[in-house]
Amino acid sequence: MSSDNRVSFAPGTDRSAAVTAAIGILRRDGVVVLDDLIDPALLATCSAEITARHPDMAEPDRSKYFGPYVGRHTIPLLVDGALADPAILLPKPVAHIATELLAEAFKVDSVGLLVAVPGAPNQTAHRDAWLYPREGLDRLLPPFALAFAVPLVTMDETSGRTAFWRGSHRSGATNAPDTPHDLAPIVHPGSAILWDYRIYHTGLANHGTTPRPVLFTALSREWWVEIEPPEATNYRKLKVSQEVFAGWKPRWQARFSRADILER
């Protein structure tokens, strides 16, 4: 296993071995970087389409966007065009990992664009969700949800990175760690981060002059659902075009069964 929590999926790599390595790192540390997972040219096409559709991504509309943290919000995306390409939306290695850690019947719970605007400060360290914070049982249980994050720009010291406390998904602590994070990877477009919803993490400050957009997909066990935020009255966490949904095989339709099916 890689000491810096990275696994390569570059052409010529034994993908089966890479998936096995990624699963081991996720179980141990709660987070893994999947390098060279997506063709950067394909992702650039997707990024251009999203930017054209959301030119105001740095200016949140709180009725439509979800954003409890200063300088950050999530824009719900319509799964259509390049985003609907399985190589971007749900690459095979990620589906294999989710099948192993969440079961064959895992669901895609949401697809959105997580944006950190220029000047966004460090987030408060947090878990995305947990089941039994009072009882302290989460550290004993298998994962119930995974976050799949694909940056559309390089995540580095300028634009900001996501920092993690490795192994904290196995901690019974109900408060954020009082020690420094021990992983804050630089991630280029085409690579991705996959993490357990229970791990403590934080988005670091965006010191640049442009937004930091990240495709963010939540994968979950079939019995777990993330509630849409009531304050974002027009927010829909999972939207798929009717044409795209109709073209999917039954397995994919089952995985996206929570989606609002919309006409273009």
C-alpha atoms as a PDB file:
ATOM      1  CA  MET A   1       0.000   0.000   0.000  1.00  0.00           C
ATOM      2  CA  SER A   2       1.091   3.548  -0.677  1.00  0.00           C
ATOM      3  CA  SER A   3       2.280   5.540   2.334  1.00  0.00           C
ATOM      4  CA  ASP A   4       0.778   8.714   0.882  1.00  0.00           C
ATOM      5  CA  ASN A   5      -2.607   7.108   0.205  1.00  0.00           C
ATOM      6  CA  ARG A   6      -2.296   7.190  -3.578  1.00  0.00           C
ATOM      7  CA  VAL A   7      -3.126   4.446  -6.062  1.00  0.00           C
ATOM      8  CA  SER A   8      -2.449   4.832  -9.794  1.00  0.00           C
ATOM      9  CA  PHE A   9      -4.896   3.894 -12.540  1.00  0.00           C
ATOM     10  CA  ALA A  10      -2.650   5.076 -15.378  1.00  0.00           C
ATOM     11  CA  PRO A  11      -2.873   3.189 -18.695  1.00  0.00           C
ATOM     12  CA  GLY A  12      -1.107  -0.145 -18.447  1.00  0.00           C
ATOM     13  CA  THR A  13      -1.790  -0.454 -14.721  1.00  0.00           C
ATOM     14  CA  ASP A  14      -3.236  -3.678 -13.348  1.00  0.00           C
ATOM     15  CA  ARG A  15      -6.601  -2.161 -12.455  1.00  0.00           C
ATOM     16  CA  SER A  16      -7.777  -5.155 -10.467  1.00  0.00           C
ATOM     17  CA  ALA A  17      -4.717  -4.899  -8.222  1.00  0.00           C
ATOM     18  CA  ALA A  18      -5.178  -1.127  -7.976  1.00  0.00           C
ATOM     19  CA  VAL A  19      -8.800  -1.547  -6.869  1.00  0.00           C
ATOM     20  CA  THR A  20      -7.730  -4.068  -4.225  1.00  0.00           C
ATOM     21  CA  ALA A  21      -5.060  -1.662  -2.963  1.00  0.00           C
ATOM     22  CA  ALA A  22      -7.538   1.236  -2.859  1.00  0.00           C
ATOM     23  CA  ILE A  23     -10.025  -0.824  -0.847  1.00  0.00           C
ATOM     24  CA  GLY A  24      -7.327  -1.715   1.665  1.00  0.00           C
ATOM     25  CA  ILE A  25      -6.294   1.929   2.093  1.00  0.00           C
ATOM     26  CA  LEU A  26      -9.912   3.055   2.477  1.00  0.00           C
ATOM     27  CA  ARG A  27     -10.565   0.459   5.156  1.00  0.00           C
ATOM     28  CA  ARG A  28      -7.390   1.376   7.009  1.00  0.00           C
ATOM     29  CA  ASP A  29      -7.251   5.163   6.669  1.00  0.00           C
ATOM     30  CA  GLY A  30     -10.684   6.220   5.419  1.00  0.00           C
ATOM     31  CA  VAL A  31      -9.363   8.068   2.354  1.00  0.00           C
ATOM     32  CA  VAL A  32      -7.540   7.257  -0.889  1.00  0.00           C
ATOM     33  CA  VAL A  33      -6.406   9.274  -3.920  1.00  0.00           C
ATOM     34  CA  LEU A  34      -7.142   7.597  -7.253  1.00  0.00           C
ATOM     35  CA  ASP A  35      -4.527   8.988  -9.634  1.00  0.00           C
ATOM     36  CA  ASP A  36      -5.027   9.066 -13.417  1.00  0.00           C
ATOM     37  CA  LEU A  37      -8.557   7.712 -13.084  1.00  0.00           C
ATOM     38  CA  ILE A  38     -10.229   9.820 -15.804  1.00  0.00           C
ATOM     39  CA  ASP A  39      -8.989  10.994 -19.203  1.00  0.00           C
ATOM     40  CA  PRO A  40      -8.134  14.712 -18.635  1.00  0.00           C
ATOM     41  CA  ALA A  41      -9.359  15.630 -22.146  1.00  0.00           C
ATOM     42  CA  LEU A  42     -12.737  14.038 -21.466  1.00  0.00           C
ATOM     43  CA  LEU A  43     -12.928  15.802 -18.118  1.00  0.00           C
ATOM     44  CA  ALA A  44     -12.027  19.135 -19.751  1.00  0.00           C
ATOM     45  CA  THR A  45     -15.024  18.772 -22.063  1.00  0.00           C
ATOM     46  CA  CYS A  46     -17.245  18.107 -19.065  1.00  0.00           C
ATOM     47  CA  SER A  47     -15.765  21.082 -17.214  1.00  0.00           C
ATOM     48  CA  ALA A  48     -16.429  23.396 -20.174  1.00  0.00           C
ATOM     49  CA  GLU A  49     -20.063  22.279 -20.339  1.00  0.00           C
ATOM     50  CA  ILE A  50     -20.569  22.808 -16.607  1.00  0.00           C
ATOM     51  CA  THR A  51     -18.911  26.240 -16.704  1.00  0.00           C
ATOM     52  CA  ALA A  52     -21.118  27.297 -19.622  1.00  0.00           C
ATOM     53  CA  ARG A  53     -24.228  26.123 -17.769  1.00  0.00           C
ATOM     54  CA  HIS A  54     -23.189  27.711 -14.457  1.00  0.00           C
ATOM     55  CA  PRO A  55     -21.276  30.927 -15.257  1.00  0.00           C
ATOM     56  CA  ASP A  56     -22.308  32.275 -11.842  1.00  0.00           C
ATOM     57  CA  MET A  57     -20.802  29.366  -9.894  1.00  0.00           C
ATOM     58  CA  ALA A  58     -18.942  31.771  -7.588  1.00  0.00           C
ATOM     59  CA  GLU A  59     -22.190  33.577  -6.662  1.00  0.00           C
ATOM     60  CA  PRO A  60     -24.427  31.221  -4.703  1.00  0.00           C
ATOM     61  CA  ASP A  61     -28.190  31.414  -4.891  1.00  0.00           C
ATOM     62  CA  ARG A  62     -29.167  30.126  -1.456  1.00  0.00           C
ATOM     63  CA  SER A  63     -32.583  29.000  -2.690  1.00  0.00           C
ATOM     64  CA  LYS A  64     -30.935  26.574  -5.127  1.00  0.00           C
ATOM     65  CA  TYR A  65     -27.493  25.888  -3.692  1.00  0.00           C
ATOM     66  CA  PHE A  66     -26.559  24.100  -0.493  1.00  0.00           C
ATOM     67  CA  GLY A  67     -23.803  25.723   1.547  1.00  0.00           C
ATOM     68  CA  PRO A  68     -23.520  25.712   5.340  1.00  0.00           C
ATOM     69  CA  TYR A  69     -19.844  26.810   5.228  1.00  0.00           C
ATOM     70  CA  VAL A  70     -18.514  30.302   4.475  1.00  0.00           C
ATOM     71  CA  GLY A  71     -17.255  30.632   0.905  1.00  0.00           C
ATOM     72  CA  ARG A  72     -18.494  27.185  -0.149  1.00  0.00           C
ATOM     73  CA  HIS A  73     -21.652  25.866  -1.739  1.00  0.00           C
ATOM     74  CA  THR A  74     -22.868  22.858  -3.700  1.00  0.00           C
ATOM     75  CA  ILE A  75     -24.612  23.336  -7.039  1.00  0.00           C
ATOM     76  CA  PRO A  76     -26.926  20.492  -8.094  1.00  0.00           C
ATOM     77  CA  LEU A  77     -25.947  19.261 -11.554  1.00  0.00           C
ATOM     78  CA  LEU A  78     -28.097  17.771 -14.283  1.00  0.00           C
ATOM     79  CA  VAL A  79     -26.546  14.475 -15.375  1.00  0.00           C
ATOM     80  CA  ASP A  80     -26.432  15.072 -19.103  1.00  0.00           C
ATOM     81  CA  GLY A  81     -23.858  15.607 -21.834  1.00  0.00           C
ATOM     82  CA  ALA A  82     -20.251  14.737 -20.960  1.00  0.00           C
ATOM     83  CA  LEU A  83     -21.122  14.359 -17.273  1.00  0.00           C
ATOM     84  CA  ALA A  84     -23.284  11.356 -18.187  1.00  0.00           C
ATOM     85  CA  ASP A  85     -20.259   9.512 -19.572  1.00  0.00           C
ATOM     86  CA  PRO A  86     -19.713   6.557 -17.208  1.00  0.00           C
ATOM     87  CA  ALA A  87     -15.956   7.206 -17.327  1.00  0.00           C
ATOM     88  CA  ILE A  88     -16.622  10.485 -15.477  1.00  0.00           C
ATOM     89  CA  LEU A  89     -19.871   9.899 -13.620  1.00  0.00           C
ATOM     90  CA  LEU A  90     -19.031   6.531 -12.100  1.00  0.00           C
ATOM     91  CA  PRO A  91     -15.776   5.000 -13.377  1.00  0.00           C
ATOM     92  CA  LYS A  92     -15.594   1.214 -13.182  1.00  0.00           C
ATOM     93  CA  PRO A  93     -12.911   1.150 -10.445  1.00  0.00           C
ATOM     94  CA  VAL A  94     -15.096   3.350  -8.229  1.00  0.00           C
ATOM     95  CA  ALA A  95     -18.128   1.128  -8.863  1.00  0.00           C
ATOM     96  CA  HIS A  96     -16.033  -1.925  -7.938  1.00  0.00           C
ATOM     97  CA  ILE A  97     -14.853  -0.267  -4.721  1.00  0.00           C
ATOM     98  CA  ALA A  98     -18.405   0.786  -3.815  1.00  0.00           C
ATOM     99  CA  THR A  99     -19.697  -2.716  -4.505  1.00  0.00           C
ATOM    100  CA  GLU A 100     -17.101  -4.159  -2.122  1.00  0.00           C
ATOM    101  CA  LEU A 101     -17.551  -1.599   0.669  1.00  0.00           C
ATOM    102  CA  LEU A 102     -21.267  -0.733   0.335  1.00  0.00           C
ATOM    103  CA  ALA A 103     -22.703  -3.899  -1.289  1.00  0.00           C
ATOM    104  CA  GLU A 104     -23.830  -4.639  -4.835  1.00  0.00           C
ATOM    105  CA  ALA A 105     -27.069  -2.691  -4.382  1.00  0.00           C
ATOM    106  CA  PHE A 106     -25.332   0.610  -3.566  1.00  0.00           C
ATOM    107  CA  LYS A 107     -27.047   3.835  -4.635  1.00  0.00           C
ATOM    108  CA  VAL A 108     -25.861   7.112  -6.113  1.00  0.00           C
ATOM    109  CA  ASP A 109     -27.376   9.495  -3.576  1.00  0.00           C
ATOM    110  CA  SER A 110     -26.344  12.845  -5.063  1.00  0.00           C
ATOM    111  CA  VAL A 111     -24.294  14.511  -7.805  1.00  0.00           C
ATOM    112  CA  GLY A 112     -23.254  18.134  -7.425  1.00  0.00           C
ATOM    113  CA  LEU A 113     -20.546  20.719  -7.953  1.00  0.00           C
ATOM    114  CA  LEU A 114     -18.785  21.687  -4.739  1.00  0.00           C
ATOM    115  CA  VAL A 115     -17.348  25.184  -5.205  1.00  0.00           C
ATOM    116  CA  ALA A 116     -14.859  27.013  -2.989  1.00  0.00           C
ATOM    117  CA  VAL A 117     -14.882  30.655  -4.065  1.00  0.00           C
ATOM    118  CA  PRO A 118     -11.769  32.879  -4.056  1.00  0.00           C
ATOM    119  CA  GLY A 119     -11.028  33.884  -0.479  1.00  0.00           C
ATOM    120  CA  ALA A 120     -12.917  30.968   1.053  1.00  0.00           C
ATOM    121  CA  PRO A 121     -11.336  30.282   4.468  1.00  0.00           C
ATOM    122  CA  ASN A 122     -10.469  26.933   6.002  1.00  0.00           C
ATOM    123  CA  GLN A 123     -13.523  24.887   6.852  1.00  0.00           C
ATOM    124  CA  THR A 124     -14.198  23.607  10.321  1.00  0.00           C
ATOM    125  CA  ALA A 125     -13.070  20.000  10.602  1.00  0.00           C
ATOM    126  CA  HIS A 126     -16.116  17.783  10.222  1.00  0.00           C
ATOM    127  CA  ARG A 127     -17.473  14.393   9.255  1.00  0.00           C
ATOM    128  CA  ASP A 128     -19.921  14.309   6.358  1.00  0.00           C
ATOM    129  CA  ALA A 129     -22.265  12.108   8.403  1.00  0.00           C
ATOM    130  CA  TRP A 130     -22.381   9.383  11.013  1.00  0.00           C
ATOM    131  CA  LEU A 131     -25.006   7.096  12.441  1.00  0.00           C
ATOM    132  CA  TYR A 132     -24.495   6.796  16.209  1.00  0.00           C
ATOM    133  CA  PRO A 133     -22.426   9.745  17.484  1.00  0.00           C
ATOM    134  CA  ARG A 134     -23.743   9.495  21.039  1.00  0.00           C
ATOM    135  CA  GLU A 135     -23.266   5.762  21.376  1.00  0.00           C
ATOM    136  CA  GLY A 136     -19.859   5.723  19.662  1.00  0.00           C
ATOM    137  CA  LEU A 137     -20.721   2.712  17.526  1.00  0.00           C
ATOM    138  CA  ASP A 138     -19.704   4.070  14.122  1.00  0.00           C
ATOM    139  CA  ARG A 139     -16.056   3.115  14.575  1.00  0.00           C
ATOM    140  CA  LEU A 140     -17.109  -0.534  14.808  1.00  0.00           C
ATOM    141  CA  LEU A 141     -19.299  -0.573  11.699  1.00  0.00           C
ATOM    142  CA  PRO A 142     -18.576  -0.876   7.977  1.00  0.00           C
ATOM    143  CA  PRO A 143     -19.031   2.273   5.859  1.00  0.00           C
ATOM    144  CA  PHE A 144     -22.530   3.415   4.940  1.00  0.00           C
ATOM    145  CA  ALA A 145     -21.522   6.124   2.450  1.00  0.00           C
ATOM    146  CA  LEU A 146     -18.534   7.191   0.351  1.00  0.00           C
ATOM    147  CA  ALA A 147     -17.668  10.574  -1.144  1.00  0.00           C
ATOM    148  CA  PHE A 148     -16.254  10.603  -4.679  1.00  0.00           C
ATOM    149  CA  ALA A 149     -14.596  13.942  -5.484  1.00  0.00           C
ATOM    150  CA  VAL A 150     -13.214  14.866  -8.920  1.00  0.00           C
ATOM    151  CA  PRO A 151     -11.535  18.298  -9.099  1.00  0.00           C
ATOM    152  CA  LEU A 152     -11.991  20.285 -12.313  1.00  0.00           C
ATOM    153  CA  VAL A 153      -8.894  22.376 -11.513  1.00  0.00           C
ATOM    154  CA  THR A 154      -5.707  21.427  -9.696  1.00  0.00           C
ATOM    155  CA  MET A 155      -6.158  21.320  -5.937  1.00  0.00           C
ATOM    156  CA  ASP A 156      -2.916  22.734  -4.521  1.00  0.00           C
ATOM    157  CA  GLU A 157      -1.563  25.279  -2.030  1.00  0.00           C
ATOM    158  CA  THR A 158      -3.108  28.166  -4.012  1.00  0.00           C
ATOM    159  CA  SER A 159      -6.564  26.892  -4.949  1.00  0.00           C
ATOM    160  CA  GLY A 160      -6.856  24.876  -1.743  1.00  0.00           C
ATOM    161  CA  ARG A 161      -6.927  21.180  -0.948  1.00  0.00           C
ATOM    162  CA  THR A 162      -9.014  18.814   1.144  1.00  0.00           C
ATOM    163  CA  ALA A 163      -7.206  17.769   4.316  1.00  0.00           C
ATOM    164  CA  PHE A 164      -7.870  14.592   6.290  1.00  0.00           C
ATOM    165  CA  TRP A 165      -7.234  12.996   9.655  1.00  0.00           C
ATOM    166  CA  ARG A 166      -6.391   9.470   8.591  1.00  0.00           C
ATOM    167  CA  GLY A 167      -8.010   6.739  10.627  1.00  0.00           C
ATOM    168  CA  SER A 168     -10.522   9.096  12.253  1.00  0.00           C
ATOM    169  CA  HIS A 169     -13.381   7.089  10.713  1.00  0.00           C
ATOM    170  CA  ARG A 170     -12.433   4.492  13.343  1.00  0.00           C
ATOM    171  CA  SER A 171     -12.429   6.987  16.196  1.00  0.00           C
ATOM    172  CA  GLY A 172     -15.295   7.225  18.636  1.00  0.00           C
ATOM    173  CA  ALA A 173     -14.522  10.903  19.310  1.00  0.00           C
ATOM    174  CA  THR A 174     -17.499  13.215  18.912  1.00  0.00           C
ATOM    175  CA  ASN A 175     -15.359  16.370  18.705  1.00  0.00           C
ATOM    176  CA  ALA A 176     -13.054  17.448  15.896  1.00  0.00           C
ATOM    177  CA  PRO A 177      -9.413  16.405  16.337  1.00  0.00           C
ATOM    178  CA  ASP A 178      -7.145  18.794  18.237  1.00  0.00           C
ATOM    179  CA  THR A 179      -4.109  17.577  16.277  1.00  0.00           C
ATOM    180  CA  PRO A 180      -3.035  18.796  12.803  1.00  0.00           C
ATOM    181  CA  HIS A 181      -4.353  16.940   9.769  1.00  0.00           C
ATOM    182  CA  ASP A 182      -1.920  14.366   8.388  1.00  0.00           C
ATOM    183  CA  LEU A 183      -2.954  14.232   4.715  1.00  0.00           C
ATOM    184  CA  ALA A 184      -3.670  17.106   2.280  1.00  0.00           C
ATOM    185  CA  PRO A 185      -2.961  15.760  -1.205  1.00  0.00           C
ATOM    186  CA  ILE A 186      -2.345  17.799  -4.329  1.00  0.00           C
ATOM    187  CA  VAL A 187      -4.820  16.445  -6.884  1.00  0.00           C
ATOM    188  CA  HIS A 188      -4.806  17.221 -10.607  1.00  0.00           C
ATOM    189  CA  PRO A 189      -7.777  17.007 -13.007  1.00  0.00           C
ATOM    190  CA  GLY A 190      -8.146  13.389 -14.030  1.00  0.00           C
ATOM    191  CA  SER A 191      -7.420  12.138 -10.528  1.00  0.00           C
ATOM    192  CA  ALA A 192      -9.961  11.848  -7.720  1.00  0.00           C
ATOM    193  CA  ILE A 193     -10.358  11.403  -3.978  1.00  0.00           C
ATOM    194  CA  LEU A 194     -12.583   8.763  -2.406  1.00  0.00           C
ATOM    195  CA  TRP A 195     -13.345   8.900   1.304  1.00  0.00           C
ATOM    196  CA  ASP A 196     -15.485   7.333   3.988  1.00  0.00           C
ATOM    197  CA  TYR A 197     -18.266   9.698   5.112  1.00  0.00           C
ATOM    198  CA  ARG A 198     -17.178   9.196   8.743  1.00  0.00           C
ATOM    199  CA  ILE A 199     -13.620  10.543   8.368  1.00  0.00           C
ATOM    200  CA  TYR A 200     -12.791  13.978   9.783  1.00  0.00           C
ATOM    201  CA  HIS A 201     -11.708  16.352   7.021  1.00  0.00           C
ATOM    202  CA  THR A 202     -11.664  20.009   6.062  1.00  0.00           C
ATOM    203  CA  GLY A 203     -11.512  22.091   2.902  1.00  0.00           C
ATOM    204  CA  LEU A 204      -8.481  24.367   3.028  1.00  0.00           C
ATOM    205  CA  ALA A 205      -8.596  28.030   2.037  1.00  0.00           C
ATOM    206  CA  ASN A 206      -8.754  29.136  -1.594  1.00  0.00           C
ATOM    207  CA  HIS A 207      -5.951  31.698  -1.900  1.00  0.00           C
ATOM    208  CA  GLY A 208      -6.387  32.018  -5.664  1.00  0.00           C
ATOM    209  CA  THR A 209      -8.437  34.370  -7.822  1.00  0.00           C
ATOM    210  CA  THR A 210     -10.747  31.775  -9.400  1.00  0.00           C
ATOM    211  CA  PRO A 211     -13.260  29.269  -7.994  1.00  0.00           C
ATOM    212  CA  ARG A 212     -12.235  25.714  -7.113  1.00  0.00           C
ATOM    213  CA  PRO A 213     -14.988  23.475  -8.564  1.00  0.00           C
ATOM    214  CA  VAL A 214     -15.088  19.798  -7.646  1.00  0.00           C
ATOM    215  CA  LEU A 215     -17.534  17.187  -8.914  1.00  0.00           C
ATOM    216  CA  PHE A 216     -18.934  15.629  -5.748  1.00  0.00           C
ATOM    217  CA  THR A 217     -20.874  12.360  -5.787  1.00  0.00           C
ATOM    218  CA  ALA A 218     -22.254  10.571  -2.739  1.00  0.00           C
ATOM    219  CA  LEU A 219     -22.513   6.776  -2.887  1.00  0.00           C
ATOM    220  CA  SER A 220     -24.456   4.966  -0.192  1.00  0.00           C
ATOM    221  CA  ARG A 221     -25.919   1.720   1.023  1.00  0.00           C
ATOM    222  CA  GLU A 222     -29.477   1.284  -0.188  1.00  0.00           C
ATOM    223  CA  TRP A 223     -30.960   2.042   3.260  1.00  0.00           C
ATOM    224  CA  TRP A 224     -29.101   5.334   3.880  1.00  0.00           C
ATOM    225  CA  VAL A 225     -30.291   8.640   2.413  1.00  0.00           C
ATOM    226  CA  GLU A 226     -28.908  12.150   2.878  1.00  0.00           C
ATOM    227  CA  ILE A 227     -31.739  14.598   3.519  1.00  0.00           C
ATOM    228  CA  GLU A 228     -31.990  17.569   1.174  1.00  0.00           C
ATOM    229  CA  PRO A 229     -31.374  20.815   3.097  1.00  0.00           C
ATOM    230  CA  PRO A 230     -34.670  22.564   3.889  1.00  0.00           C
ATOM    231  CA  GLU A 231     -33.120  26.036   3.621  1.00  0.00           C
ATOM    232  CA  ALA A 232     -32.331  25.479  -0.087  1.00  0.00           C
ATOM    233  CA  THR A 233     -35.953  25.408  -1.239  1.00  0.00           C
ATOM    234  CA  ASN A 234     -35.210  24.720  -4.927  1.00  0.00           C
ATOM    235  CA  TYR A 235     -32.359  22.282  -4.321  1.00  0.00           C
ATOM    236  CA  ARG A 236     -32.527  18.822  -5.877  1.00  0.00           C
ATOM    237  CA  LYS A 237     -29.547  16.687  -4.993  1.00  0.00           C
ATOM    238  CA  LEU A 238     -29.809  14.262  -7.925  1.00  0.00           C
ATOM    239  CA  LYS A 239     -31.090  15.182 -11.384  1.00  0.00           C
ATOM    240  CA  VAL A 240     -30.790  13.036 -14.517  1.00  0.00           C
ATOM    241  CA  SER A 241     -32.022  13.892 -18.004  1.00  0.00           C
ATOM    242  CA  GLN A 242     -34.826  11.698 -19.274  1.00  0.00           C
ATOM    243  CA  GLU A 243     -32.861  10.768 -22.392  1.00  0.00           C
ATOM    244  CA  VAL A 244     -29.801   9.692 -20.386  1.00  0.00           C
ATOM    245  CA  PHE A 245     -31.811   7.653 -17.878  1.00  0.00           C
ATOM    246  CA  ALA A 246     -33.743   5.861 -20.639  1.00  0.00           C
ATOM    247  CA  GLY A 247     -30.477   4.846 -22.293  1.00  0.00           C
ATOM    248  CA  TRP A 248     -29.042   3.188 -19.183  1.00  0.00           C
ATOM    249  CA  LYS A 249     -29.145  -0.526 -18.503  1.00  0.00           C
ATOM    250  CA  PRO A 250     -31.314  -1.709 -15.579  1.00  0.00           C
ATOM    251  CA  ARG A 251     -28.351  -1.878 -13.171  1.00  0.00           C
ATOM    252  CA  TRP A 252     -27.526   1.794 -13.707  1.00  0.00           C
ATOM    253  CA  GLN A 253     -31.177   2.800 -13.514  1.00  0.00           C
ATOM    254  CA  ALA A 254     -31.344   0.991 -10.163  1.00  0.00           C
ATOM    255  CA  ARG A 255     -28.246   2.799  -8.907  1.00  0.00           C
ATOM    256  CA  PHE A 256     -29.788   6.156  -9.858  1.00  0.00           C
ATOM    257  CA  SER A 257     -33.318   5.269  -8.736  1.00  0.00           C
ATOM    258  CA  ARG A 258     -33.428   8.265  -6.348  1.00  0.00           C
ATOM    259  CA  ALA A 259     -32.981  10.768  -9.158  1.00  0.00           C
ATOM    260  CA  ASP A 260     -35.449  13.342 -10.369  1.00  0.00           C
ATOM    261  CA  ILE A 261     -35.836  12.463 -14.070  1.00  0.00           C
ATOM    262  CA  LEU A 262     -36.085  15.681 -16.052  1.00  0.00           C
ATOM    263  CA  GLU A 263     -36.490  16.793 -19.635  1.00  0.00           C
ATOM    264  CA  ARG A 264     -33.629  18.886 -20.971  1.00  0.00           C
END
